[in-house]
Amino acid sequence: MAQKAVLGYSGGLDTSVAIHWIKQTYGADVICVLVDVGQPIANLDDAIARGKKNGALEVIVVDAKEEFAKEYVLPALKANALYEDIYPLATSLARPLIAKKLVEVAHKYGAAFIAHGCTAKGNDQVRFDVTIRALDPSIKIIAPLREWRMTREGEIAYAAEHGILIPDIAKKSEFSTDENLWGRSVEAGVLEDPGREVVEAAFEWTKNPQAAPDHPEYVTIGFEQGKPVTVNGKQLGLVELIQYVGDIAGNHGVGRIDHVENRLVGIKSREVYEAPAAVALIQAHKALEALTLTRDIAHFKTILEDKFAELTYDGLWMSPLREAISAFVDKANENVTGTVTLKFYKGNVSLAGREAPTTLYTKHLTTYGKGDSFKHESAVGFIDIWGLPVATYTRARREQ
């Protein structure tokens, strides 16, 4: 009886070819697992049928949108997670969840192998491999693209030679893309030259800002303990809310990112992202935190936010440190409740107001006008004590 291999399947070029290659190379029956994390799937039935026609023993579809939103995206939003202060980690967040689902299916079917379509130069291989090993070190990992050295054109030729069905778009597009609820990544082709402007063909989720509406749109987002729960007063589930905000932001050209980032494997890569919902919601969340967090927590949290983003990017979502940081972030967000109004216009999103029942912004302390209650006479004594260490240091140097 043949061994089984569970393949993380997208229906795209790499994983379509991988079905045949794994069967030929390892003699294993292939079970394809398509994990739905909110990516647009133009024709799910076609992807399933194509997988079976290409030799898969079974094609399983796992709806993980809610789990992705609540257990992965929300912790990242609460942490304002941006790798290198710009990338909202969409792909990075989805990989550990997909890996988790692959392990679950492998256990169910008694599979000896888990396979994925990641390249040897990318970060995703690390995220998949480390998560799989964290959950079950006994499962062997197959990564066809690490074993063969085939270009995109070579894969298409391989598919034609072996009668493998691939989606038409794989033959037409020069780009490699990944999409989920939190964002879309685009790379390869002309994008590999960072000296060139990103071609408009790379974008699908966002309008060209020049073609965006000529009038701004205001949107009010309500948060409860750091979680977005309403848009313009209407209660929405987290998945629906992210999609709704993303549609509005994208319509105004918000969320385009062009970034040369430092990959974990040691190379620099020009990456293009579309993350309209992530860009808007993180900005709104930060604005509400500015009203409700104490100065020491706000400053300390930024240190942990950077570490959270780095751990997620580096494939260490399952690490005890990431979990501990999330526990701190949840505690810090206990009072992050209120509303934030955003203004979308021609590729920009700006703040148009924020309110919170637990706001620490106190007008009678802040104002320079009537009603000022700040004790001005206390400032001199405060400054004397605050500056005492540096004054003492200077005096000691002079005496020396």
Protein backbone atom coordinates (compact mmCIF):
# COMPACT_ATOMS: atom_id res chain seq x y z
CA MET A 1 0.00 0.00 0.00
CA ALA A 2 1.42 3.37 -1.05
CA GLN A 3 2.32 5.96 1.56
CA LYS A 4 0.33 9.17 1.65
CA ALA A 5 1.49 12.75 1.20
CA VAL A 6 -0.64 15.73 2.20
CA LEU A 7 -0.05 18.65 -0.18
CA GLY A 8 -0.86 22.26 0.64
CA TYR A 9 -2.79 22.99 -2.54
CA SER A 10 -3.75 26.31 -4.08
CA GLY A 11 -4.80 25.16 -7.52
CA GLY A 12 -2.01 27.25 -9.05
CA LEU A 13 0.91 26.27 -11.22
CA ASP A 14 3.36 25.05 -8.54
CA THR A 15 0.99 22.80 -6.62
CA SER A 16 -0.71 21.46 -9.76
CA VAL A 17 2.66 20.27 -11.06
CA ALA A 18 3.67 19.03 -7.60
CA ILE A 19 0.90 16.40 -7.54
CA HIS A 20 2.41 14.54 -10.48
CA TRP A 21 6.00 15.09 -9.34
CA ILE A 22 5.39 13.73 -5.82
CA LYS A 23 3.68 10.61 -7.18
CA GLN A 24 6.54 10.01 -9.62
CA THR A 25 9.38 10.78 -7.22
CA TYR A 26 8.09 9.39 -3.92
CA GLY A 27 5.51 6.87 -5.10
CA ALA A 28 3.04 8.37 -2.65
CA ASP A 29 -0.69 8.97 -3.00
CA VAL A 30 -1.35 12.70 -2.81
CA ILE A 31 -4.11 14.26 -0.75
CA CYS A 32 -4.55 17.91 -1.68
CA VAL A 33 -5.68 20.34 1.01
CA LEU A 34 -6.91 23.78 -0.02
CA VAL A 35 -7.16 25.99 3.06
CA ASP A 36 -9.53 28.93 2.58
CA VAL A 37 -8.08 31.91 4.48
CA GLY A 38 -10.12 34.45 2.60
CA GLN A 39 -8.29 34.39 -0.70
CA PRO A 40 -10.47 35.06 -3.75
CA ILE A 41 -11.02 31.71 -5.43
CA ALA A 42 -12.36 32.42 -8.91
CA ASN A 43 -13.63 28.91 -9.46
CA LEU A 44 -13.26 26.54 -6.55
CA ASP A 45 -14.95 23.69 -8.42
CA ASP A 46 -12.38 23.98 -11.21
CA ALA A 47 -9.50 23.87 -8.73
CA ILE A 48 -10.92 20.74 -7.10
CA ALA A 49 -11.62 19.05 -10.44
CA ARG A 50 -8.16 19.95 -11.75
CA GLY A 51 -6.50 18.49 -8.68
CA LYS A 52 -8.33 15.19 -9.11
CA LYS A 53 -7.62 15.02 -12.84
CA ASN A 54 -3.95 15.65 -12.12
CA GLY A 55 -3.86 12.55 -9.96
CA ALA A 56 -4.79 13.57 -6.43
CA LEU A 57 -6.34 10.82 -4.34
CA GLU A 58 -8.59 13.44 -2.77
CA VAL A 59 -8.98 17.23 -2.70
CA ILE A 60 -10.11 18.62 0.66
CA VAL A 61 -11.28 22.20 1.16
CA VAL A 62 -10.95 23.61 4.69
CA ASP A 63 -12.83 26.82 5.50
CA ALA A 64 -10.51 28.56 7.96
CA LYS A 65 -11.53 32.19 7.42
CA GLU A 66 -13.04 32.69 10.88
CA GLU A 67 -10.13 31.01 12.63
CA PHE A 68 -7.67 33.04 10.58
CA ALA A 69 -9.41 36.30 11.44
CA LYS A 70 -9.84 35.64 15.16
CA GLU A 71 -6.71 33.67 16.06
CA TYR A 72 -4.13 35.19 13.71
CA VAL A 73 -5.22 38.51 12.18
CA LEU A 74 -6.74 39.95 15.37
CA PRO A 75 -3.63 39.35 17.53
CA ALA A 76 -1.56 41.00 14.77
CA LEU A 77 -3.93 43.97 14.61
CA LYS A 78 -3.83 44.42 18.39
CA ALA A 79 -0.03 44.36 18.11
CA ASN A 80 -0.05 46.86 15.20
CA ALA A 81 2.22 44.31 13.55
CA LEU A 82 4.23 45.68 10.62
CA TYR A 83 7.46 43.97 9.57
CA GLU A 84 10.12 46.64 9.03
CA ASP A 85 7.38 49.18 9.83
CA ILE A 86 5.61 48.62 6.51
CA TYR A 87 4.49 45.03 5.73
CA PRO A 88 1.27 43.94 7.54
CA LEU A 89 2.35 40.26 7.45
CA ALA A 90 -0.63 38.87 5.51
CA THR A 91 1.15 35.86 4.01
CA SER A 92 3.29 35.40 7.12
CA LEU A 93 0.19 35.11 9.32
CA ALA A 94 -1.58 32.59 7.10
CA ARG A 95 1.27 30.10 6.77
CA PRO A 96 1.24 28.73 10.34
CA LEU A 97 -2.53 28.23 10.16
CA ILE A 98 -2.27 26.42 6.81
CA ALA A 99 0.53 24.26 8.22
CA LYS A 100 -1.63 23.45 11.24
CA LYS A 101 -4.47 22.28 8.97
CA LEU A 102 -2.07 20.16 6.92
CA VAL A 103 -0.88 18.42 10.09
CA GLU A 104 -4.49 17.78 11.15
CA VAL A 105 -5.27 16.15 7.79
CA ALA A 106 -2.02 14.16 7.88
CA HIS A 107 -2.99 12.75 11.27
CA LYS A 108 -6.48 11.92 10.05
CA TYR A 109 -5.23 10.01 7.01
CA GLY A 110 -2.06 8.59 8.53
CA ALA A 111 0.15 10.42 6.03
CA ALA A 112 3.91 10.09 6.28
CA PHE A 113 4.63 13.27 4.32
CA ILE A 114 3.49 16.88 4.14
CA ALA A 115 4.38 18.79 0.97
CA HIS A 116 4.28 22.46 0.07
CA GLY A 117 5.09 24.54 -2.99
CA CYS A 118 7.62 26.93 -1.42
CA THR A 119 10.93 27.83 -3.02
CA ALA A 120 14.37 27.53 -1.44
CA LYS A 121 14.87 31.31 -1.53
CA GLY A 122 11.65 32.31 0.18
CA ASN A 123 10.48 32.79 3.75
CA ASP A 124 7.41 30.58 3.43
CA GLN A 125 9.43 27.37 3.49
CA VAL A 126 10.66 28.36 6.96
CA ARG A 127 7.14 29.16 8.18
CA PHE A 128 5.75 25.84 6.94
CA ASP A 129 8.64 23.65 8.02
CA VAL A 130 9.05 25.15 11.50
CA THR A 131 5.31 25.04 12.24
CA ILE A 132 4.98 21.44 11.02
CA ARG A 133 7.95 20.40 13.15
CA ALA A 134 6.55 22.24 16.14
CA LEU A 135 3.29 20.31 15.83
CA ASP A 136 4.67 16.90 14.79
CA PRO A 137 8.43 16.39 14.29
CA SER A 138 7.86 12.85 12.99
CA ILE A 139 6.25 13.98 9.73
CA LYS A 140 8.64 14.22 6.79
CA ILE A 141 8.49 17.37 4.69
CA ILE A 142 8.61 17.44 0.90
CA ALA A 143 9.33 20.69 -0.93
CA PRO A 144 9.48 19.93 -4.66
CA LEU A 145 10.72 23.41 -5.57
CA ARG A 146 13.75 22.89 -3.31
CA GLU A 147 14.59 19.64 -5.09
CA TRP A 148 14.07 20.58 -8.71
CA ARG A 149 15.60 23.71 -10.25
CA MET A 150 12.83 24.67 -12.61
CA THR A 151 11.86 28.13 -13.76
CA ARG A 152 8.24 29.18 -14.13
CA GLU A 153 8.58 28.56 -17.85
CA GLY A 154 10.11 25.16 -17.11
CA GLU A 155 7.14 24.21 -14.93
CA ILE A 156 4.73 25.14 -17.71
CA ALA A 157 6.73 23.01 -20.15
CA TYR A 158 6.81 20.13 -17.61
CA ALA A 159 3.03 20.37 -17.28
CA ALA A 160 2.58 20.22 -21.04
CA GLU A 161 4.94 17.25 -21.35
CA HIS A 162 3.10 15.22 -18.70
CA GLY A 163 -0.47 16.26 -19.52
CA ILE A 164 -0.88 18.22 -16.29
CA LEU A 165 -3.78 20.65 -16.21
CA ILE A 166 -2.83 24.13 -14.99
CA PRO A 167 -4.96 27.28 -14.69
CA ASP A 168 -4.96 29.51 -17.77
CA ILE A 169 -3.77 32.49 -15.75
CA ALA A 170 -0.52 30.65 -14.95
CA LYS A 171 0.31 30.70 -18.67
CA LYS A 172 -0.50 34.40 -19.03
CA SER A 173 0.71 36.10 -15.85
CA GLU A 174 4.35 36.93 -15.21
CA PHE A 175 3.67 37.50 -11.52
CA SER A 176 3.65 35.16 -8.55
CA THR A 177 0.88 36.09 -6.12
CA ASP A 178 -0.48 35.07 -2.73
CA GLU A 179 -3.76 36.32 -1.31
CA ASN A 180 -5.75 36.05 1.89
CA LEU A 181 -8.17 38.06 3.99
CA TRP A 182 -5.48 40.42 5.31
CA GLY A 183 -3.62 41.20 2.10
CA ARG A 184 -2.15 40.29 -1.25
CA SER A 185 1.52 39.88 -2.23
CA VAL A 186 2.92 40.15 -5.76
CA GLU A 187 6.42 39.39 -6.96
CA ALA A 188 8.53 38.24 -9.95
CA GLY A 189 8.66 39.48 -13.52
CA VAL A 190 9.29 43.19 -14.02
CA LEU A 191 8.83 43.74 -10.28
CA GLU A 192 12.28 42.26 -9.67
CA ASP A 193 13.82 45.58 -10.73
CA PRO A 194 13.43 47.96 -7.75
CA GLY A 195 14.52 50.83 -9.98
CA ARG A 196 11.28 50.61 -11.94
CA GLU A 197 7.89 51.90 -10.86
CA VAL A 198 5.37 49.17 -10.10
CA VAL A 199 3.30 48.47 -13.20
CA GLU A 200 -0.44 48.94 -12.82
CA ALA A 201 -1.03 45.34 -13.91
CA ALA A 202 0.37 44.15 -10.56
CA PHE A 203 -2.59 45.59 -8.65
CA GLU A 204 -6.02 43.99 -8.36
CA TRP A 205 -7.47 45.05 -5.00
CA THR A 206 -6.83 48.79 -5.17
CA LYS A 207 -7.74 51.48 -7.67
CA ASN A 208 -5.10 53.70 -9.12
CA PRO A 209 -5.34 56.74 -6.80
CA GLN A 210 -5.64 58.99 -9.86
CA ALA A 211 -8.80 57.10 -10.86
CA ALA A 212 -10.21 56.95 -7.32
CA PRO A 213 -13.35 58.95 -6.41
CA ASP A 214 -13.00 62.72 -6.50
CA HIS A 215 -14.68 63.13 -3.12
CA PRO A 216 -13.40 61.83 0.23
CA GLU A 217 -15.27 59.14 2.15
CA TYR A 218 -15.52 59.10 5.94
CA VAL A 219 -15.80 55.79 7.78
CA THR A 220 -16.20 55.34 11.54
CA ILE A 221 -14.85 52.12 13.03
CA GLY A 222 -15.87 50.98 16.51
CA PHE A 223 -13.52 48.92 18.68
CA GLU A 224 -14.07 46.86 21.81
CA GLN A 225 -10.90 45.93 23.71
CA GLY A 226 -8.86 46.38 20.55
CA LYS A 227 -11.17 44.37 18.30
CA PRO A 228 -13.00 46.17 15.48
CA VAL A 229 -16.72 45.41 15.79
CA THR A 230 -18.67 48.09 13.93
CA VAL A 231 -18.45 50.17 10.77
CA ASN A 232 -20.54 53.36 10.73
CA GLY A 233 -22.47 51.99 13.70
CA LYS A 234 -23.32 48.67 12.05
CA GLN A 235 -22.26 45.51 13.89
CA LEU A 236 -20.23 43.16 11.70
CA GLY A 237 -18.43 39.87 12.19
CA LEU A 238 -14.65 40.15 11.98
CA VAL A 239 -14.31 38.50 8.56
CA GLU A 240 -17.09 40.60 7.08
CA LEU A 241 -15.72 43.79 8.68
CA ILE A 242 -12.23 43.25 7.26
CA GLN A 243 -13.65 42.60 3.79
CA TYR A 244 -15.96 45.64 4.03
CA VAL A 245 -13.23 48.04 5.14
CA GLY A 246 -10.89 46.57 2.53
CA ASP A 247 -13.39 47.24 -0.25
CA ILE A 248 -13.81 50.88 0.82
CA ALA A 249 -10.09 51.50 1.23
CA GLY A 250 -9.23 49.75 -2.01
CA ASN A 251 -11.80 51.79 -3.90
CA HIS A 252 -9.93 54.92 -2.80
CA GLY A 253 -6.52 53.52 -3.76
CA VAL A 254 -5.41 52.93 -0.17
CA GLY A 255 -3.14 50.02 0.77
CA ARG A 256 -0.49 49.86 -1.96
CA ILE A 257 2.97 48.99 -0.64
CA ASP A 258 6.27 48.86 -2.54
CA HIS A 259 9.02 47.55 -0.30
CA VAL A 260 12.53 46.14 -0.53
CA GLU A 261 12.56 43.87 2.50
CA ASN A 262 15.15 41.78 4.27
CA ARG A 263 14.21 38.14 3.97
CA LEU A 264 15.08 35.75 6.74
CA VAL A 265 17.17 33.64 4.33
CA GLY A 266 19.60 36.53 3.88
CA ILE A 267 18.61 38.20 0.63
CA LYS A 268 16.81 41.44 -0.15
CA SER A 269 13.60 41.13 -2.13
CA ARG A 270 11.43 43.72 -3.84
CA GLU A 271 7.90 42.98 -2.68
CA VAL A 272 4.65 44.59 -3.75
CA TYR A 273 1.66 44.31 -1.42
CA GLU A 274 -1.96 45.33 -1.40
CA ALA A 275 -3.38 45.52 2.10
CA PRO A 276 -6.22 48.06 2.14
CA ALA A 277 -8.01 46.71 5.21
CA ALA A 278 -4.80 46.15 7.17
CA VAL A 279 -3.44 49.64 6.48
CA ALA A 280 -6.72 51.29 7.48
CA LEU A 281 -7.46 49.20 10.56
CA ILE A 282 -3.94 49.37 11.98
CA GLN A 283 -3.99 53.16 11.64
CA ALA A 284 -7.37 53.33 13.37
CA HIS A 285 -6.24 50.98 16.16
CA LYS A 286 -3.07 52.98 16.78
CA ALA A 287 -5.11 56.17 17.06
CA LEU A 288 -7.39 54.65 19.68
CA GLU A 289 -4.44 53.29 21.64
CA ALA A 290 -2.96 56.80 21.71
CA LEU A 291 -6.06 57.93 23.62
CA THR A 292 -6.30 55.02 26.03
CA LEU A 293 -2.83 53.63 26.85
CA THR A 294 -0.61 55.08 29.53
CA ARG A 295 2.71 56.52 28.36
CA ASP A 296 4.82 53.68 29.75
CA ILE A 297 2.64 50.94 28.25
CA ALA A 298 2.44 52.75 24.90
CA HIS A 299 6.22 53.11 24.69
CA PHE A 300 7.00 49.60 25.91
CA LYS A 301 4.38 48.08 23.60
CA THR A 302 6.16 49.42 20.50
CA ILE A 303 9.21 47.34 21.44
CA LEU A 304 7.10 44.20 21.69
CA GLU A 305 5.23 45.06 18.49
CA ASP A 306 8.49 44.99 16.54
CA LYS A 307 9.41 41.65 18.10
CA PHE A 308 5.94 40.24 17.40
CA ALA A 309 6.26 41.22 13.73
CA GLU A 310 9.76 39.77 13.49
CA LEU A 311 8.76 36.45 15.07
CA THR A 312 5.75 36.16 12.78
CA TYR A 313 7.78 37.01 9.69
CA ASP A 314 10.51 34.55 10.72
CA GLY A 315 8.09 31.62 11.03
CA LEU A 316 8.06 31.48 14.83
CA TRP A 317 4.33 31.98 15.36
CA MET A 318 4.21 28.87 17.54
CA SER A 319 7.04 30.06 19.77
CA PRO A 320 6.47 30.65 23.51
CA LEU A 321 7.80 34.20 23.11
CA ARG A 322 5.19 35.13 20.50
CA GLU A 323 2.46 33.68 22.71
CA ALA A 324 3.76 35.62 25.73
CA ILE A 325 3.84 38.86 23.74
CA SER A 326 0.24 38.26 22.63
CA ALA A 327 -0.76 37.83 26.27
CA PHE A 328 0.75 41.24 27.07
CA VAL A 329 -0.92 42.79 24.03
CA ASP A 330 -4.32 41.42 25.07
CA LYS A 331 -3.87 42.90 28.55
CA ALA A 332 -2.80 46.27 27.11
CA ASN A 333 -5.91 46.32 24.89
CA GLU A 334 -8.42 45.86 27.72
CA ASN A 335 -9.31 49.57 27.64
CA VAL A 336 -8.87 50.14 23.90
CA THR A 337 -12.57 50.72 23.32
CA GLY A 338 -14.08 53.56 21.31
CA THR A 339 -14.52 54.86 17.79
CA VAL A 340 -12.15 56.19 15.15
CA THR A 341 -13.20 58.05 12.01
CA LEU A 342 -11.00 57.66 8.95
CA LYS A 343 -10.96 59.80 5.82
CA PHE A 344 -10.19 58.02 2.54
CA TYR A 345 -9.13 60.10 -0.44
CA LYS A 346 -6.95 59.50 -3.50
CA GLY A 347 -4.65 56.86 -2.08
CA ASN A 348 -4.46 58.33 1.42
CA VAL A 349 -6.11 57.46 4.70
CA SER A 350 -6.03 60.05 7.48
CA LEU A 351 -7.58 60.47 10.91
CA ALA A 352 -10.77 62.54 11.13
CA GLY A 353 -11.58 62.00 14.80
CA ARG A 354 -11.42 59.54 17.70
CA GLU A 355 -13.32 59.08 20.94
CA ALA A 356 -13.09 56.66 23.84
CA PRO A 357 -15.03 56.30 27.10
CA THR A 358 -11.76 55.53 28.90
CA THR A 359 -9.74 58.26 27.19
CA LEU A 360 -6.72 59.54 29.08
CA TYR A 361 -6.81 62.78 27.10
CA THR A 362 -8.02 65.38 29.60
CA LYS A 363 -8.85 68.76 28.10
CA HIS A 364 -8.73 70.76 31.34
CA LEU A 365 -5.14 69.55 31.82
CA THR A 366 -4.12 70.07 28.20
CA THR A 367 -5.77 73.39 27.31
CA TYR A 368 -3.93 76.68 27.25
CA GLY A 369 -7.25 78.49 27.41
CA LYS A 370 -10.01 78.94 29.95
CA GLY A 371 -10.50 76.05 32.36
CA ASP A 372 -6.81 75.13 32.61
CA SER A 373 -6.34 73.08 35.82
CA PHE A 374 -2.67 72.14 35.38
CA LYS A 375 -0.54 73.21 38.38
CA HIS A 376 2.04 75.39 36.65
CA GLU A 377 3.89 76.09 39.89
CA SER A 378 4.70 72.36 40.19
CA ALA A 379 6.74 72.37 36.98
CA VAL A 380 9.86 73.97 38.51
CA GLY A 381 10.18 71.36 41.26
CA PHE A 382 9.51 68.54 38.84
CA ILE A 383 12.23 69.75 36.48
CA ASP A 384 14.70 70.19 39.35
CA ILE A 385 14.30 66.56 40.43
CA TRP A 386 14.07 65.19 36.88
CA GLY A 387 17.27 66.95 35.86
CA LEU A 388 19.16 66.25 39.11
CA PRO A 389 21.11 63.18 37.76
CA VAL A 390 22.52 65.03 34.73
CA ALA A 391 23.25 68.15 36.80
CA THR A 392 25.12 66.02 39.37
CA TYR A 393 27.08 64.29 36.61
CA THR A 394 28.11 67.60 35.04
CA ARG A 395 29.14 69.04 38.41
CA ALA A 396 31.29 65.97 39.18
CA ARG A 397 33.08 66.21 35.82
CA ARG A 398 33.86 69.88 36.35
CA GLU A 399 35.28 69.28 39.83
CA GLN A 400 37.42 66.48 38.43
